Amino acid sequence: MHPGSGVPTVEVTDLKADDFLLDVREDDEWQAGHAEGALHIPISEFVARYGELTEAAPQDGRVNVICRSGGRSAQVAMYLVQQGIDAVNVDGGMQVWAAAGRPVVTDEGQPGFVL
């Protein structure tokens, strides 16, 4: 937790392969490269598409919210916590994910990159 931020955070290095990941970046960022198996709902459409998250998210699991660097995902994580969902912000976002050597793929399953 960052003091004063109020948003629970998780480090990329603490995420396990089967942890549920919600990517809230925009379509062009997602298409360039994303974490395999992540659910994509852009922050700009998030409230309208909230039901997709509640359907896909594990009932008793945590939602790990990620964006490029951690700003947008912090907003979404806060919103989810307010809805009573166990959500955390992935610190540093996809930039740290890629830097940590975690796989980044395109929709076709090819190696991708973080915009």
N, C-alpha and C. Protein backbone atom coordinates (compact mmCIF):
# COMPACT_ATOMS: atom_id res chain seq x y z
N MET A 1 0.84 -1.20 0.00
CA MET A 1 0.00 0.00 0.00
C MET A 1 0.88 1.25 0.00
N HIS A 2 0.54 2.16 -0.87
CA HIS A 2 1.24 3.45 -0.83
C HIS A 2 0.52 4.31 0.20
N PRO A 3 1.25 4.93 1.09
CA PRO A 3 0.58 5.72 2.13
C PRO A 3 -0.28 6.81 1.52
N GLY A 4 -1.50 6.90 1.98
CA GLY A 4 -2.37 7.97 1.53
C GLY A 4 -3.12 7.70 0.24
N SER A 5 -2.72 6.68 -0.51
CA SER A 5 -3.39 6.44 -1.78
C SER A 5 -4.72 5.74 -1.59
N GLY A 6 -4.78 4.88 -0.59
CA GLY A 6 -6.02 4.17 -0.32
C GLY A 6 -6.31 3.02 -1.27
N VAL A 7 -5.46 2.83 -2.26
CA VAL A 7 -5.68 1.75 -3.22
C VAL A 7 -4.74 0.60 -2.89
N PRO A 8 -5.27 -0.59 -2.61
CA PRO A 8 -4.37 -1.71 -2.37
C PRO A 8 -3.61 -2.05 -3.65
N THR A 9 -2.31 -2.31 -3.53
CA THR A 9 -1.50 -2.62 -4.70
C THR A 9 -0.84 -3.97 -4.55
N VAL A 10 -0.46 -4.54 -5.69
CA VAL A 10 0.28 -5.79 -5.72
C VAL A 10 1.46 -5.59 -6.67
N GLU A 11 2.58 -6.20 -6.35
CA GLU A 11 3.74 -6.14 -7.23
C GLU A 11 3.61 -7.20 -8.31
N VAL A 12 4.08 -6.89 -9.51
CA VAL A 12 4.07 -7.86 -10.62
C VAL A 12 4.72 -9.17 -10.19
N THR A 13 5.81 -9.06 -9.45
CA THR A 13 6.56 -10.26 -9.06
C THR A 13 5.78 -11.14 -8.10
N ASP A 14 4.73 -10.59 -7.47
CA ASP A 14 3.91 -11.39 -6.55
C ASP A 14 2.74 -12.08 -7.24
N LEU A 15 2.52 -11.77 -8.52
CA LEU A 15 1.40 -12.39 -9.25
C LEU A 15 1.77 -13.79 -9.69
N LYS A 16 0.82 -14.71 -9.54
CA LYS A 16 1.03 -16.07 -10.01
C LYS A 16 0.42 -16.22 -11.40
N ALA A 17 0.80 -17.27 -12.10
CA ALA A 17 0.39 -17.45 -13.49
C ALA A 17 -1.12 -17.51 -13.65
N ASP A 18 -1.82 -18.05 -12.65
CA ASP A 18 -3.27 -18.22 -12.80
C ASP A 18 -4.08 -17.11 -12.12
N ASP A 19 -3.41 -16.05 -11.67
CA ASP A 19 -4.13 -14.94 -11.06
C ASP A 19 -4.96 -14.20 -12.12
N PHE A 20 -6.14 -13.77 -11.73
CA PHE A 20 -7.05 -13.10 -12.67
C PHE A 20 -6.59 -11.66 -12.90
N LEU A 21 -6.42 -11.31 -14.18
CA LEU A 21 -5.90 -10.00 -14.55
C LEU A 21 -6.93 -9.26 -15.39
N LEU A 22 -7.21 -8.03 -15.01
CA LEU A 22 -8.12 -7.15 -15.76
C LEU A 22 -7.30 -6.01 -16.35
N ASP A 23 -7.27 -5.92 -17.67
CA ASP A 23 -6.50 -4.89 -18.38
C ASP A 23 -7.47 -3.79 -18.79
N VAL A 24 -7.24 -2.55 -18.32
CA VAL A 24 -8.16 -1.46 -18.59
C VAL A 24 -7.60 -0.44 -19.59
N ARG A 25 -6.57 -0.85 -20.33
CA ARG A 25 -6.01 0.05 -21.35
C ARG A 25 -6.93 0.12 -22.57
N GLU A 26 -6.65 1.06 -23.46
CA GLU A 26 -7.48 1.22 -24.66
C GLU A 26 -7.13 0.15 -25.70
N ASP A 27 -7.98 0.03 -26.72
CA ASP A 27 -7.85 -1.04 -27.70
C ASP A 27 -6.48 -1.08 -28.39
N ASP A 28 -5.95 0.10 -28.77
CA ASP A 28 -4.66 0.10 -29.49
C ASP A 28 -3.54 -0.42 -28.59
N GLU A 29 -3.61 -0.09 -27.32
CA GLU A 29 -2.60 -0.57 -26.38
C GLU A 29 -2.71 -2.09 -26.20
N TRP A 30 -3.96 -2.56 -26.06
CA TRP A 30 -4.20 -4.01 -25.90
C TRP A 30 -3.69 -4.77 -27.11
N GLN A 31 -3.98 -4.26 -28.32
CA GLN A 31 -3.60 -4.97 -29.54
C GLN A 31 -2.09 -5.04 -29.72
N ALA A 32 -1.37 -4.03 -29.23
CA ALA A 32 0.09 -4.05 -29.35
C ALA A 32 0.68 -5.19 -28.52
N GLY A 33 0.08 -5.43 -27.37
CA GLY A 33 0.56 -6.51 -26.52
C GLY A 33 -0.08 -6.49 -25.17
N HIS A 34 -0.42 -7.69 -24.65
CA HIS A 34 -1.07 -7.81 -23.36
C HIS A 34 -0.66 -9.12 -22.70
N ALA A 35 -1.04 -9.24 -21.44
CA ALA A 35 -0.78 -10.48 -20.72
C ALA A 35 -1.76 -11.54 -21.21
N GLU A 36 -1.24 -12.72 -21.49
CA GLU A 36 -2.08 -13.81 -21.96
C GLU A 36 -3.13 -14.16 -20.93
N GLY A 37 -4.38 -14.30 -21.37
CA GLY A 37 -5.45 -14.70 -20.48
C GLY A 37 -6.10 -13.56 -19.72
N ALA A 38 -5.60 -12.33 -19.91
CA ALA A 38 -6.21 -11.19 -19.22
C ALA A 38 -7.57 -10.87 -19.84
N LEU A 39 -8.45 -10.28 -19.03
CA LEU A 39 -9.73 -9.78 -19.53
C LEU A 39 -9.53 -8.31 -19.88
N HIS A 40 -9.98 -7.92 -21.07
CA HIS A 40 -9.79 -6.54 -21.53
C HIS A 40 -11.10 -5.77 -21.50
N ILE A 41 -11.17 -4.76 -20.65
CA ILE A 41 -12.29 -3.81 -20.67
C ILE A 41 -11.67 -2.41 -20.53
N PRO A 42 -11.64 -1.62 -21.62
CA PRO A 42 -11.03 -0.28 -21.53
C PRO A 42 -11.70 0.57 -20.46
N ILE A 43 -10.92 1.40 -19.79
CA ILE A 43 -11.46 2.25 -18.73
C ILE A 43 -12.57 3.14 -19.27
N SER A 44 -12.48 3.54 -20.54
CA SER A 44 -13.49 4.42 -21.12
C SER A 44 -14.85 3.75 -21.26
N GLU A 45 -14.86 2.41 -21.24
CA GLU A 45 -16.11 1.66 -21.39
C GLU A 45 -16.43 0.86 -20.12
N PHE A 46 -15.66 1.08 -19.07
CA PHE A 46 -15.69 0.15 -17.95
C PHE A 46 -17.04 0.06 -17.26
N VAL A 47 -17.62 1.21 -16.94
CA VAL A 47 -18.88 1.16 -16.19
C VAL A 47 -19.97 0.49 -17.02
N ALA A 48 -20.00 0.78 -18.34
CA ALA A 48 -21.01 0.18 -19.22
C ALA A 48 -20.83 -1.33 -19.34
N ARG A 49 -19.58 -1.79 -19.27
CA ARG A 49 -19.29 -3.22 -19.49
C ARG A 49 -18.96 -3.96 -18.20
N TYR A 50 -19.33 -3.35 -17.08
CA TYR A 50 -19.01 -3.90 -15.76
C TYR A 50 -19.48 -5.35 -15.61
N GLY A 51 -20.62 -5.68 -16.21
CA GLY A 51 -21.16 -7.03 -16.11
C GLY A 51 -20.22 -8.09 -16.67
N GLU A 52 -19.42 -7.72 -17.68
CA GLU A 52 -18.47 -8.68 -18.26
C GLU A 52 -17.44 -9.10 -17.20
N LEU A 53 -17.07 -8.16 -16.36
CA LEU A 53 -16.10 -8.47 -15.30
C LEU A 53 -16.73 -9.40 -14.28
N THR A 54 -17.94 -9.09 -13.83
CA THR A 54 -18.55 -9.90 -12.78
C THR A 54 -18.82 -11.32 -13.28
N GLU A 55 -19.05 -11.48 -14.59
CA GLU A 55 -19.23 -12.82 -15.15
C GLU A 55 -17.91 -13.58 -15.21
N ALA A 56 -16.84 -12.88 -15.57
CA ALA A 56 -15.56 -13.55 -15.82
C ALA A 56 -14.71 -13.74 -14.57
N ALA A 57 -14.88 -12.85 -13.60
CA ALA A 57 -14.00 -12.88 -12.43
C ALA A 57 -14.29 -14.09 -11.56
N PRO A 58 -13.25 -14.66 -10.95
CA PRO A 58 -13.46 -15.78 -10.02
C PRO A 58 -14.27 -15.31 -8.82
N GLN A 59 -15.22 -16.12 -8.39
CA GLN A 59 -16.13 -15.71 -7.32
C GLN A 59 -15.39 -15.40 -6.03
N ASP A 60 -14.35 -16.18 -5.73
CA ASP A 60 -13.67 -15.98 -4.45
C ASP A 60 -12.26 -15.49 -4.64
N GLY A 61 -11.94 -15.09 -5.88
CA GLY A 61 -10.57 -14.67 -6.16
C GLY A 61 -10.44 -13.16 -6.22
N ARG A 62 -9.22 -12.73 -6.33
CA ARG A 62 -8.92 -11.31 -6.38
C ARG A 62 -8.84 -10.85 -7.83
N VAL A 63 -9.27 -9.62 -8.07
CA VAL A 63 -9.14 -9.01 -9.39
C VAL A 63 -7.89 -8.13 -9.37
N ASN A 64 -6.92 -8.47 -10.21
CA ASN A 64 -5.69 -7.68 -10.32
C ASN A 64 -5.84 -6.76 -11.52
N VAL A 65 -5.91 -5.45 -11.27
CA VAL A 65 -6.20 -4.48 -12.34
C VAL A 65 -4.88 -3.89 -12.84
N ILE A 66 -4.72 -3.90 -14.18
CA ILE A 66 -3.47 -3.43 -14.77
C ILE A 66 -3.74 -2.44 -15.91
N CYS A 67 -2.86 -1.46 -16.07
CA CYS A 67 -2.89 -0.57 -17.24
C CYS A 67 -1.44 -0.40 -17.70
N ARG A 68 -1.08 0.72 -18.30
CA ARG A 68 0.28 0.87 -18.79
C ARG A 68 1.26 1.10 -17.64
N SER A 69 0.90 2.04 -16.76
CA SER A 69 1.84 2.37 -15.69
C SER A 69 1.23 2.36 -14.29
N GLY A 70 -0.08 2.18 -14.18
CA GLY A 70 -0.70 2.05 -12.86
C GLY A 70 -1.69 3.14 -12.48
N GLY A 71 -1.82 4.17 -13.31
CA GLY A 71 -2.73 5.28 -12.99
C GLY A 71 -4.19 4.96 -13.22
N ARG A 72 -4.50 4.50 -14.44
CA ARG A 72 -5.89 4.18 -14.77
C ARG A 72 -6.36 2.97 -13.97
N SER A 73 -5.49 2.00 -13.81
CA SER A 73 -5.89 0.79 -13.07
C SER A 73 -6.17 1.12 -11.60
N ALA A 74 -5.48 2.12 -11.05
CA ALA A 74 -5.75 2.51 -9.67
C ALA A 74 -7.18 3.03 -9.53
N GLN A 75 -7.63 3.81 -10.53
CA GLN A 75 -9.00 4.34 -10.50
C GLN A 75 -10.01 3.20 -10.55
N VAL A 76 -9.76 2.23 -11.44
CA VAL A 76 -10.70 1.10 -11.58
C VAL A 76 -10.67 0.23 -10.33
N ALA A 77 -9.48 0.00 -9.77
CA ALA A 77 -9.38 -0.81 -8.56
C ALA A 77 -10.17 -0.15 -7.42
N MET A 78 -10.06 1.16 -7.29
CA MET A 78 -10.81 1.89 -6.27
C MET A 78 -12.31 1.70 -6.46
N TYR A 79 -12.75 1.84 -7.70
CA TYR A 79 -14.16 1.67 -8.02
C TYR A 79 -14.64 0.27 -7.62
N LEU A 80 -13.84 -0.75 -7.96
CA LEU A 80 -14.22 -2.13 -7.66
C LEU A 80 -14.28 -2.37 -6.15
N VAL A 81 -13.31 -1.81 -5.43
CA VAL A 81 -13.31 -1.96 -3.97
C VAL A 81 -14.59 -1.35 -3.40
N GLN A 82 -15.01 -0.22 -3.97
CA GLN A 82 -16.25 0.43 -3.51
C GLN A 82 -17.47 -0.44 -3.80
N GLN A 83 -17.38 -1.29 -4.83
CA GLN A 83 -18.48 -2.20 -5.16
C GLN A 83 -18.41 -3.49 -4.32
N GLY A 84 -17.41 -3.55 -3.43
CA GLY A 84 -17.30 -4.72 -2.58
C GLY A 84 -16.51 -5.86 -3.19
N ILE A 85 -15.76 -5.56 -4.28
CA ILE A 85 -14.97 -6.59 -4.94
C ILE A 85 -13.53 -6.53 -4.41
N ASP A 86 -12.93 -7.70 -4.23
CA ASP A 86 -11.54 -7.79 -3.78
C ASP A 86 -10.65 -7.46 -4.98
N ALA A 87 -10.27 -6.19 -5.10
CA ALA A 87 -9.48 -5.74 -6.25
C ALA A 87 -8.22 -5.04 -5.78
N VAL A 88 -7.14 -5.22 -6.55
CA VAL A 88 -5.88 -4.55 -6.26
C VAL A 88 -5.31 -3.98 -7.54
N ASN A 89 -4.50 -2.94 -7.39
CA ASN A 89 -3.85 -2.30 -8.52
C ASN A 89 -2.47 -2.94 -8.72
N VAL A 90 -2.15 -3.31 -9.96
CA VAL A 90 -0.82 -3.87 -10.25
C VAL A 90 0.16 -2.72 -10.38
N ASP A 91 1.09 -2.64 -9.44
CA ASP A 91 2.01 -1.52 -9.33
C ASP A 91 2.92 -1.44 -10.57
N GLY A 92 2.93 -0.29 -11.22
CA GLY A 92 3.81 -0.10 -12.37
C GLY A 92 3.25 -0.60 -13.69
N GLY A 93 2.15 -1.34 -13.62
CA GLY A 93 1.43 -1.74 -14.83
C GLY A 93 2.20 -2.62 -15.79
N MET A 94 1.77 -2.57 -17.06
CA MET A 94 2.36 -3.42 -18.09
C MET A 94 3.82 -3.09 -18.36
N GLN A 95 4.23 -1.87 -18.04
CA GLN A 95 5.65 -1.52 -18.24
C GLN A 95 6.52 -2.37 -17.32
N VAL A 96 6.09 -2.51 -16.06
CA VAL A 96 6.85 -3.33 -15.12
C VAL A 96 6.67 -4.81 -15.46
N TRP A 97 5.46 -5.19 -15.89
CA TRP A 97 5.18 -6.58 -16.30
C TRP A 97 6.19 -7.01 -17.37
N ALA A 98 6.33 -6.19 -18.42
CA ALA A 98 7.25 -6.52 -19.52
C ALA A 98 8.70 -6.50 -19.04
N ALA A 99 9.05 -5.50 -18.22
CA ALA A 99 10.42 -5.38 -17.72
C ALA A 99 10.80 -6.57 -16.84
N ALA A 100 9.79 -7.15 -16.18
CA ALA A 100 10.04 -8.30 -15.30
C ALA A 100 10.15 -9.60 -16.10
N GLY A 101 10.00 -9.49 -17.43
CA GLY A 101 10.15 -10.67 -18.27
C GLY A 101 8.88 -11.50 -18.39
N ARG A 102 7.75 -10.95 -17.93
CA ARG A 102 6.49 -11.66 -18.09
C ARG A 102 6.06 -11.59 -19.56
N PRO A 103 5.40 -12.65 -20.07
CA PRO A 103 5.06 -12.66 -21.50
C PRO A 103 4.03 -11.59 -21.88
N VAL A 104 4.28 -10.99 -23.03
CA VAL A 104 3.37 -10.01 -23.63
C VAL A 104 3.03 -10.53 -25.02
N VAL A 105 1.74 -10.69 -25.31
CA VAL A 105 1.32 -11.29 -26.58
C VAL A 105 0.29 -10.43 -27.29
N THR A 106 0.15 -10.68 -28.61
CA THR A 106 -0.91 -10.05 -29.39
C THR A 106 -2.12 -10.97 -29.39
N ASP A 107 -3.22 -10.52 -30.00
CA ASP A 107 -4.42 -11.36 -30.09
C ASP A 107 -4.14 -12.66 -30.85
N GLU A 108 -3.16 -12.62 -31.74
CA GLU A 108 -2.81 -13.82 -32.53
C GLU A 108 -1.86 -14.75 -31.78
N GLY A 109 -1.47 -14.31 -30.57
CA GLY A 109 -0.56 -15.14 -29.79
C GLY A 109 0.90 -14.93 -30.13
N GLN A 110 1.18 -13.91 -30.96
CA GLN A 110 2.56 -13.59 -31.29
C GLN A 110 3.16 -12.72 -30.18
N PRO A 111 4.49 -12.65 -30.10
CA PRO A 111 5.09 -11.75 -29.11
C PRO A 111 4.64 -10.32 -29.37
N GLY A 112 4.25 -9.63 -28.31
CA GLY A 112 3.79 -8.25 -28.43
C GLY A 112 4.70 -7.31 -27.68
N PHE A 113 4.27 -6.08 -27.56
CA PHE A 113 5.06 -5.08 -26.82
C PHE A 113 4.10 -4.12 -26.14
N VAL A 114 4.61 -3.37 -25.19
CA VAL A 114 3.81 -2.41 -24.43
C VAL A 114 3.98 -1.04 -25.05
N LEU A 115 2.86 -0.46 -25.48
CA LEU A 115 2.88 0.88 -26.07
C LEU A 115 3.26 1.91 -25.03
